[in-house]
Amino acid sequence: MSSSLTDLNLQAHQFLGERYTVFLEQLTMLDEPAARDAFAELRGSLERHRLFEDQRVLPCLQAGQDITAEELARVTGDHQVIGDTLELLENLVEAIFCSAQPRRELVANLSRLGRLQGILEHHTERETRFVYPVLDQMPDRELINLLAEGLLDTSH
């Protein structure tokens, strides 16, 4: 694998950001079928990425040695916040399209709709600083190649 895990994770997060943008574009056009489809794709992509990290990436790190226990808790906590925010977005989509005034409902919830972007930006920064550079330095190249393949799988 020629790309670092850090770079591959940034690519995966860029892909997730693009999915989020498509969802917001469809939602703000009040195109219900397209918005629901885009949300389903965003949610599926985010869930695959989170699950991969929770099951394969984070267990490779030893708290107190590779990463502080506090920082590891923040990364895993981010994953829970992302899941909670996806639930919030799903509820907002439902509220918008069930409303007698969907545009008004959309406008009233603009700040809540943008919440995921900030969460993902902070989470990306945290992983870029504390998770993936440590993994890139591990001597087990076979493990790194397996993680790289997994990150590539979550990037499409």
N, C-alpha and C. Protein backbone atom coordinates (compact mmCIF):
# COMPACT_ATOMS: atom_id res chain seq x y z
N MET A 1 0.85 -1.18 0.00
CA MET A 1 0.00 0.00 0.00
C MET A 1 0.89 1.23 0.00
N SER A 2 0.70 2.13 -0.93
CA SER A 2 1.57 3.28 -1.01
C SER A 2 1.04 4.48 -0.21
N SER A 3 -0.26 4.57 -0.02
CA SER A 3 -0.83 5.68 0.76
C SER A 3 -0.81 5.33 2.24
N SER A 4 -0.58 6.33 3.06
CA SER A 4 -0.61 6.11 4.49
C SER A 4 -2.05 5.92 4.95
N LEU A 5 -2.20 5.30 6.11
CA LEU A 5 -3.54 5.15 6.69
C LEU A 5 -4.14 6.52 6.97
N THR A 6 -3.31 7.46 7.38
CA THR A 6 -3.79 8.81 7.64
C THR A 6 -4.40 9.41 6.39
N ASP A 7 -3.70 9.27 5.26
CA ASP A 7 -4.22 9.80 4.00
C ASP A 7 -5.48 9.06 3.56
N LEU A 8 -5.50 7.75 3.72
CA LEU A 8 -6.68 6.98 3.34
C LEU A 8 -7.89 7.36 4.19
N ASN A 9 -7.66 7.61 5.46
CA ASN A 9 -8.77 8.03 6.32
C ASN A 9 -9.27 9.42 5.91
N LEU A 10 -8.36 10.30 5.56
CA LEU A 10 -8.78 11.62 5.08
C LEU A 10 -9.61 11.49 3.81
N GLN A 11 -9.22 10.59 2.92
CA GLN A 11 -10.00 10.35 1.70
C GLN A 11 -11.38 9.81 2.05
N ALA A 12 -11.44 8.89 3.01
CA ALA A 12 -12.73 8.34 3.43
C ALA A 12 -13.62 9.43 4.01
N HIS A 13 -13.04 10.31 4.81
CA HIS A 13 -13.82 11.40 5.40
C HIS A 13 -14.24 12.41 4.34
N GLN A 14 -13.41 12.62 3.32
CA GLN A 14 -13.79 13.50 2.22
C GLN A 14 -14.99 12.91 1.49
N PHE A 15 -14.97 11.62 1.26
CA PHE A 15 -16.09 10.93 0.62
C PHE A 15 -17.36 11.10 1.46
N LEU A 16 -17.24 10.94 2.77
CA LEU A 16 -18.40 11.11 3.65
C LEU A 16 -18.91 12.55 3.59
N GLY A 17 -17.99 13.50 3.54
CA GLY A 17 -18.39 14.91 3.41
C GLY A 17 -19.14 15.17 2.12
N GLU A 18 -18.71 14.52 1.05
CA GLU A 18 -19.40 14.67 -0.24
C GLU A 18 -20.80 14.08 -0.17
N ARG A 19 -20.93 12.94 0.49
CA ARG A 19 -22.26 12.33 0.66
C ARG A 19 -23.18 13.26 1.46
N TYR A 20 -22.62 13.89 2.46
CA TYR A 20 -23.39 14.82 3.29
C TYR A 20 -23.84 16.02 2.47
N THR A 21 -22.97 16.53 1.62
CA THR A 21 -23.32 17.66 0.76
C THR A 21 -24.44 17.29 -0.20
N VAL A 22 -24.36 16.12 -0.80
CA VAL A 22 -25.42 15.67 -1.71
C VAL A 22 -26.75 15.58 -0.96
N PHE A 23 -26.72 15.02 0.23
CA PHE A 23 -27.94 14.94 1.05
C PHE A 23 -28.52 16.32 1.28
N LEU A 24 -27.68 17.27 1.70
CA LEU A 24 -28.18 18.63 1.98
C LEU A 24 -28.71 19.30 0.71
N GLU A 25 -28.04 19.07 -0.42
CA GLU A 25 -28.53 19.62 -1.69
C GLU A 25 -29.93 19.11 -2.00
N GLN A 26 -30.13 17.82 -1.88
CA GLN A 26 -31.44 17.24 -2.19
C GLN A 26 -32.50 17.70 -1.20
N LEU A 27 -32.11 17.78 0.05
CA LEU A 27 -33.06 18.20 1.09
C LEU A 27 -33.48 19.65 0.88
N THR A 28 -32.52 20.51 0.58
CA THR A 28 -32.87 21.93 0.42
C THR A 28 -33.67 22.19 -0.85
N MET A 29 -33.64 21.24 -1.79
CA MET A 29 -34.51 21.36 -2.96
C MET A 29 -35.90 20.79 -2.67
N LEU A 30 -36.04 20.23 -1.46
CA LEU A 30 -37.29 19.59 -1.04
C LEU A 30 -37.71 18.47 -1.99
N ASP A 31 -36.71 17.78 -2.50
CA ASP A 31 -36.94 16.61 -3.34
C ASP A 31 -36.95 15.40 -2.41
N GLU A 32 -38.14 15.03 -1.97
CA GLU A 32 -38.25 14.00 -0.93
C GLU A 32 -37.62 12.68 -1.32
N PRO A 33 -37.94 12.09 -2.47
CA PRO A 33 -37.31 10.79 -2.78
C PRO A 33 -35.78 10.89 -2.86
N ALA A 34 -35.28 11.93 -3.50
CA ALA A 34 -33.83 12.08 -3.64
C ALA A 34 -33.18 12.35 -2.29
N ALA A 35 -33.82 13.16 -1.44
CA ALA A 35 -33.27 13.46 -0.12
C ALA A 35 -33.23 12.20 0.74
N ARG A 36 -34.29 11.42 0.70
CA ARG A 36 -34.32 10.18 1.48
C ARG A 36 -33.27 9.18 0.98
N ASP A 37 -33.12 9.08 -0.34
CA ASP A 37 -32.09 8.19 -0.90
C ASP A 37 -30.69 8.66 -0.51
N ALA A 38 -30.46 9.97 -0.61
CA ALA A 38 -29.14 10.52 -0.27
C ALA A 38 -28.84 10.32 1.21
N PHE A 39 -29.87 10.48 2.05
CA PHE A 39 -29.65 10.25 3.48
C PHE A 39 -29.33 8.79 3.75
N ALA A 40 -30.03 7.89 3.10
CA ALA A 40 -29.76 6.46 3.29
C ALA A 40 -28.32 6.12 2.87
N GLU A 41 -27.85 6.73 1.78
CA GLU A 41 -26.47 6.48 1.35
C GLU A 41 -25.47 7.07 2.34
N LEU A 42 -25.75 8.28 2.82
CA LEU A 42 -24.88 8.91 3.82
C LEU A 42 -24.82 8.05 5.07
N ARG A 43 -25.98 7.68 5.57
CA ARG A 43 -26.04 6.89 6.80
C ARG A 43 -25.31 5.56 6.62
N GLY A 44 -25.56 4.88 5.52
CA GLY A 44 -24.90 3.60 5.29
C GLY A 44 -23.38 3.74 5.23
N SER A 45 -22.91 4.77 4.54
CA SER A 45 -21.46 5.00 4.44
C SER A 45 -20.85 5.32 5.79
N LEU A 46 -21.50 6.19 6.54
CA LEU A 46 -21.00 6.55 7.87
C LEU A 46 -21.00 5.35 8.81
N GLU A 47 -22.06 4.57 8.76
CA GLU A 47 -22.14 3.40 9.64
C GLU A 47 -21.06 2.39 9.30
N ARG A 48 -20.82 2.15 8.01
CA ARG A 48 -19.76 1.21 7.61
C ARG A 48 -18.40 1.69 8.12
N HIS A 49 -18.15 2.99 7.96
CA HIS A 49 -16.86 3.54 8.39
C HIS A 49 -16.71 3.46 9.91
N ARG A 50 -17.74 3.86 10.63
CA ARG A 50 -17.68 3.80 12.10
C ARG A 50 -17.50 2.37 12.59
N LEU A 51 -18.25 1.44 12.01
CA LEU A 51 -18.15 0.05 12.42
C LEU A 51 -16.75 -0.50 12.15
N PHE A 52 -16.20 -0.17 10.99
CA PHE A 52 -14.84 -0.61 10.67
C PHE A 52 -13.86 -0.08 11.71
N GLU A 53 -13.96 1.20 12.03
CA GLU A 53 -13.03 1.76 13.01
C GLU A 53 -13.24 1.15 14.40
N ASP A 54 -14.48 0.98 14.80
CA ASP A 54 -14.75 0.42 16.12
C ASP A 54 -14.27 -1.03 16.24
N GLN A 55 -14.41 -1.79 15.18
CA GLN A 55 -14.07 -3.22 15.24
C GLN A 55 -12.64 -3.53 14.85
N ARG A 56 -12.06 -2.73 13.95
CA ARG A 56 -10.75 -3.09 13.41
C ARG A 56 -9.64 -2.10 13.75
N VAL A 57 -9.96 -0.80 13.77
CA VAL A 57 -8.91 0.21 13.95
C VAL A 57 -8.63 0.46 15.42
N LEU A 58 -9.64 0.86 16.15
CA LEU A 58 -9.42 1.26 17.55
C LEU A 58 -8.87 0.12 18.43
N PRO A 59 -9.26 -1.14 18.21
CA PRO A 59 -8.66 -2.21 19.01
C PRO A 59 -7.15 -2.38 18.80
N CYS A 60 -6.60 -1.80 17.74
CA CYS A 60 -5.16 -1.87 17.51
C CYS A 60 -4.37 -0.92 18.41
N LEU A 61 -5.07 -0.01 19.05
CA LEU A 61 -4.42 0.99 19.89
C LEU A 61 -4.52 0.60 21.36
N GLN A 62 -3.41 0.74 22.07
CA GLN A 62 -3.40 0.47 23.50
C GLN A 62 -3.47 1.80 24.25
N ALA A 63 -4.56 1.96 25.00
CA ALA A 63 -4.72 3.18 25.79
C ALA A 63 -3.56 3.30 26.77
N GLY A 64 -3.02 4.49 26.87
CA GLY A 64 -1.90 4.74 27.77
C GLY A 64 -0.55 4.49 27.12
N GLN A 65 -0.53 3.77 26.03
CA GLN A 65 0.72 3.51 25.32
C GLN A 65 0.72 4.18 23.95
N ASP A 66 -0.27 3.85 23.12
CA ASP A 66 -0.35 4.41 21.77
C ASP A 66 -1.13 5.72 21.73
N ILE A 67 -2.06 5.84 22.66
CA ILE A 67 -2.97 6.98 22.71
C ILE A 67 -3.40 7.13 24.17
N THR A 68 -3.64 8.34 24.60
CA THR A 68 -4.10 8.49 25.98
C THR A 68 -5.51 7.91 26.11
N ALA A 69 -5.83 7.45 27.28
CA ALA A 69 -7.16 6.90 27.53
C ALA A 69 -8.23 7.96 27.26
N GLU A 70 -7.91 9.21 27.60
CA GLU A 70 -8.87 10.29 27.39
C GLU A 70 -9.12 10.54 25.91
N GLU A 71 -8.06 10.52 25.12
CA GLU A 71 -8.22 10.77 23.69
C GLU A 71 -8.95 9.61 23.02
N LEU A 72 -8.66 8.40 23.42
CA LEU A 72 -9.36 7.24 22.89
C LEU A 72 -10.85 7.32 23.24
N ALA A 73 -11.15 7.76 24.46
CA ALA A 73 -12.55 7.93 24.86
C ALA A 73 -13.23 9.01 24.02
N ARG A 74 -12.49 10.06 23.67
CA ARG A 74 -13.07 11.11 22.83
C ARG A 74 -13.39 10.58 21.43
N VAL A 75 -12.48 9.79 20.87
CA VAL A 75 -12.71 9.24 19.53
C VAL A 75 -13.93 8.32 19.54
N THR A 76 -14.00 7.43 20.51
CA THR A 76 -15.16 6.54 20.59
C THR A 76 -16.42 7.32 20.92
N GLY A 77 -16.28 8.35 21.74
CA GLY A 77 -17.43 9.20 22.03
C GLY A 77 -17.93 9.93 20.79
N ASP A 78 -17.00 10.36 19.95
CA ASP A 78 -17.38 10.98 18.67
C ASP A 78 -18.27 10.04 17.87
N HIS A 79 -17.91 8.77 17.86
CA HIS A 79 -18.69 7.80 17.09
C HIS A 79 -20.12 7.73 17.61
N GLN A 80 -20.28 7.79 18.93
CA GLN A 80 -21.63 7.78 19.49
C GLN A 80 -22.38 9.06 19.13
N VAL A 81 -21.69 10.19 19.19
CA VAL A 81 -22.32 11.47 18.83
C VAL A 81 -22.73 11.46 17.36
N ILE A 82 -21.91 10.90 16.50
CA ILE A 82 -22.25 10.80 15.08
C ILE A 82 -23.51 9.96 14.91
N GLY A 83 -23.58 8.84 15.60
CA GLY A 83 -24.78 8.00 15.54
C GLY A 83 -26.02 8.74 16.02
N ASP A 84 -25.88 9.47 17.13
CA ASP A 84 -27.00 10.25 17.66
C ASP A 84 -27.42 11.34 16.68
N THR A 85 -26.44 11.95 16.02
CA THR A 85 -26.73 13.02 15.07
C THR A 85 -27.43 12.47 13.82
N LEU A 86 -27.06 11.28 13.41
CA LEU A 86 -27.77 10.65 12.30
C LEU A 86 -29.23 10.41 12.65
N GLU A 87 -29.49 10.01 13.89
CA GLU A 87 -30.88 9.85 14.35
C GLU A 87 -31.62 11.18 14.30
N LEU A 88 -30.96 12.24 14.76
CA LEU A 88 -31.55 13.57 14.72
C LEU A 88 -31.88 13.96 13.28
N LEU A 89 -30.95 13.73 12.36
CA LEU A 89 -31.18 14.07 10.96
C LEU A 89 -32.33 13.26 10.37
N GLU A 90 -32.40 12.01 10.71
CA GLU A 90 -33.50 11.18 10.21
C GLU A 90 -34.84 11.74 10.69
N ASN A 91 -34.89 12.13 11.95
CA ASN A 91 -36.12 12.72 12.50
C ASN A 91 -36.44 14.06 11.84
N LEU A 92 -35.42 14.85 11.53
CA LEU A 92 -35.65 16.13 10.86
C LEU A 92 -36.18 15.93 9.44
N VAL A 93 -35.63 14.97 8.74
CA VAL A 93 -36.12 14.68 7.39
C VAL A 93 -37.59 14.31 7.46
N GLU A 94 -37.93 13.47 8.40
CA GLU A 94 -39.32 13.07 8.57
C GLU A 94 -40.20 14.27 8.88
N ALA A 95 -39.74 15.12 9.79
CA ALA A 95 -40.53 16.30 10.18
C ALA A 95 -40.72 17.26 9.01
N ILE A 96 -39.68 17.43 8.22
CA ILE A 96 -39.76 18.35 7.07
C ILE A 96 -40.78 17.85 6.06
N PHE A 97 -40.70 16.58 5.71
CA PHE A 97 -41.57 16.07 4.65
C PHE A 97 -42.98 15.72 5.13
N CYS A 98 -43.18 15.69 6.44
CA CYS A 98 -44.53 15.48 6.98
C CYS A 98 -45.22 16.80 7.31
N SER A 99 -44.48 17.88 7.22
CA SER A 99 -45.01 19.19 7.57
C SER A 99 -45.92 19.74 6.47
N ALA A 100 -46.91 20.50 6.90
CA ALA A 100 -47.77 21.20 5.93
C ALA A 100 -46.98 22.32 5.24
N GLN A 101 -45.90 22.77 5.89
CA GLN A 101 -45.04 23.82 5.33
C GLN A 101 -43.58 23.32 5.37
N PRO A 102 -43.24 22.45 4.44
CA PRO A 102 -41.90 21.85 4.50
C PRO A 102 -40.76 22.87 4.40
N ARG A 103 -40.90 23.90 3.57
CA ARG A 103 -39.81 24.89 3.46
C ARG A 103 -39.61 25.61 4.80
N ARG A 104 -40.70 25.98 5.44
CA ARG A 104 -40.61 26.65 6.75
C ARG A 104 -39.95 25.73 7.77
N GLU A 105 -40.32 24.47 7.76
CA GLU A 105 -39.73 23.48 8.68
C GLU A 105 -38.23 23.33 8.40
N LEU A 106 -37.87 23.32 7.14
CA LEU A 106 -36.46 23.23 6.74
C LEU A 106 -35.70 24.44 7.26
N VAL A 107 -36.21 25.63 7.01
CA VAL A 107 -35.53 26.86 7.42
C VAL A 107 -35.41 26.93 8.95
N ALA A 108 -36.45 26.49 9.64
CA ALA A 108 -36.42 26.53 11.10
C ALA A 108 -35.37 25.59 11.69
N ASN A 109 -34.92 24.63 10.89
CA ASN A 109 -33.97 23.63 11.39
C ASN A 109 -32.61 23.68 10.70
N LEU A 110 -32.30 24.78 10.03
CA LEU A 110 -31.03 24.86 9.29
C LEU A 110 -29.82 24.61 10.18
N SER A 111 -29.80 25.19 11.37
CA SER A 111 -28.62 25.01 12.22
C SER A 111 -28.48 23.55 12.67
N ARG A 112 -29.58 22.89 12.92
CA ARG A 112 -29.53 21.47 13.31
C ARG A 112 -29.08 20.60 12.14
N LEU A 113 -29.48 20.98 10.93
CA LEU A 113 -29.09 20.22 9.75
C LEU A 113 -27.59 20.32 9.49
N GLY A 114 -26.98 21.43 9.88
CA GLY A 114 -25.55 21.62 9.66
C GLY A 114 -24.66 21.06 10.75
N ARG A 115 -25.25 20.52 11.79
CA ARG A 115 -24.49 20.05 12.95
C ARG A 115 -23.49 18.95 12.60
N LEU A 116 -23.88 18.04 11.72
CA LEU A 116 -23.00 16.91 11.40
C LEU A 116 -21.67 17.37 10.80
N GLN A 117 -21.70 18.44 10.03
CA GLN A 117 -20.47 18.91 9.40
C GLN A 117 -19.41 19.26 10.44
N GLY A 118 -19.80 20.01 11.46
CA GLY A 118 -18.85 20.38 12.51
C GLY A 118 -18.34 19.16 13.28
N ILE A 119 -19.23 18.23 13.55
CA ILE A 119 -18.84 17.02 14.27
C ILE A 119 -17.82 16.24 13.45
N LEU A 120 -18.10 16.08 12.16
CA LEU A 120 -17.17 15.32 11.31
C LEU A 120 -15.82 16.02 11.17
N GLU A 121 -15.84 17.35 11.10
CA GLU A 121 -14.57 18.09 11.00
C GLU A 121 -13.72 17.87 12.24
N HIS A 122 -14.32 17.99 13.42
CA HIS A 122 -13.56 17.78 14.66
C HIS A 122 -13.08 16.34 14.78
N HIS A 123 -13.93 15.41 14.40
CA HIS A 123 -13.57 14.00 14.48
C HIS A 123 -12.42 13.68 13.53
N THR A 124 -12.48 14.21 12.33
CA THR A 124 -11.40 14.01 11.37
C THR A 124 -10.08 14.54 11.91
N GLU A 125 -10.12 15.73 12.49
CA GLU A 125 -8.92 16.32 13.08
C GLU A 125 -8.37 15.45 14.20
N ARG A 126 -9.25 14.94 15.04
CA ARG A 126 -8.82 14.10 16.17
C ARG A 126 -8.15 12.81 15.65
N GLU A 127 -8.78 12.16 14.66
CA GLU A 127 -8.19 10.93 14.13
C GLU A 127 -6.88 11.20 13.39
N THR A 128 -6.82 12.34 12.72
CA THR A 128 -5.61 12.71 11.97
C THR A 128 -4.44 13.00 12.91
N ARG A 129 -4.74 13.48 14.09
CA ARG A 129 -3.68 13.79 15.05
C ARG A 129 -3.32 12.61 15.95
N PHE A 130 -4.31 11.83 16.38
CA PHE A 130 -4.06 10.88 17.46
C PHE A 130 -4.22 9.40 17.11
N VAL A 131 -4.86 9.07 16.01
CA VAL A 131 -5.13 7.66 15.72
C VAL A 131 -4.27 7.16 14.57
N TYR A 132 -4.50 7.69 13.39
CA TYR A 132 -3.88 7.11 12.21
C TYR A 132 -2.37 7.31 12.11
N PRO A 133 -1.79 8.43 12.55
CA PRO A 133 -0.32 8.52 12.51
C PRO A 133 0.35 7.45 13.38
N VAL A 134 -0.27 7.11 14.50
CA VAL A 134 0.29 6.06 15.36
C VAL A 134 0.26 4.72 14.63
N LEU A 135 -0.87 4.45 13.98
CA LEU A 135 -0.98 3.18 13.24
C LEU A 135 0.00 3.13 12.07
N ASP A 136 0.20 4.27 11.41
CA ASP A 136 1.16 4.32 10.29
C ASP A 136 2.57 3.94 10.73
N GLN A 137 2.90 4.16 12.00
CA GLN A 137 4.24 3.87 12.51
C GLN A 137 4.40 2.44 13.02
N MET A 138 3.33 1.68 13.07
CA MET A 138 3.43 0.31 13.58
C MET A 138 4.23 -0.55 12.62
N PRO A 139 5.03 -1.46 13.16
CA PRO A 139 5.90 -2.26 12.30
C PRO A 139 5.18 -3.38 11.55
N ASP A 140 3.97 -3.75 11.96
CA ASP A 140 3.24 -4.86 11.34
C ASP A 140 2.63 -4.39 10.02
N ARG A 141 3.38 -4.57 8.92
CA ARG A 141 2.94 -4.10 7.61
C ARG A 141 1.71 -4.86 7.12
N GLU A 142 1.60 -6.12 7.51
CA GLU A 142 0.42 -6.89 7.11
C GLU A 142 -0.84 -6.28 7.73
N LEU A 143 -0.75 -5.92 8.99
CA LEU A 143 -1.88 -5.28 9.66
C LEU A 143 -2.21 -3.95 8.99
N ILE A 144 -1.20 -3.17 8.70
CA ILE A 144 -1.42 -1.87 8.06
C ILE A 144 -2.09 -2.06 6.69
N ASN A 145 -1.64 -3.06 5.94
CA ASN A 145 -2.26 -3.32 4.63
C ASN A 145 -3.72 -3.74 4.78
N LEU A 146 -4.04 -4.54 5.77
CA LEU A 146 -5.43 -4.93 6.02
C LEU A 146 -6.28 -3.73 6.40
N LEU A 147 -5.74 -2.87 7.25
CA LEU A 147 -6.47 -1.66 7.63
C LEU A 147 -6.65 -0.74 6.42
N ALA A 148 -5.63 -0.65 5.59
CA ALA A 148 -5.73 0.18 4.39
C ALA A 148 -6.83 -0.34 3.47
N GLU A 149 -6.90 -1.64 3.28
CA GLU A 149 -7.95 -2.22 2.45
C GLU A 149 -9.33 -1.91 3.03
N GLY A 150 -9.44 -2.01 4.34
CA GLY A 150 -10.71 -1.69 4.98
C GLY A 150 -11.11 -0.23 4.82
N LEU A 151 -10.14 0.66 4.94
CA LEU A 151 -10.43 2.09 4.74
C LEU A 151 -10.85 2.35 3.30
N LEU A 152 -10.18 1.70 2.37
CA LEU A 152 -10.57 1.87 0.96
C LEU A 152 -12.00 1.37 0.73
N ASP A 153 -12.37 0.30 1.39
CA ASP A 153 -13.72 -0.23 1.25
C ASP A 153 -14.77 0.72 1.81
N THR A 154 -14.41 1.54 2.78
CA THR A 154 -15.38 2.48 3.35
C THR A 154 -15.40 3.80 2.60
N SER A 155 -14.61 3.91 1.53
CA SER A 155 -14.48 5.17 0.80
C SER A 155 -15.26 5.18 -0.51
N HIS A 156 -16.25 4.33 -0.62
CA HIS A 156 -17.08 4.33 -1.84
C HIS A 156 -18.43 3.73 -1.56
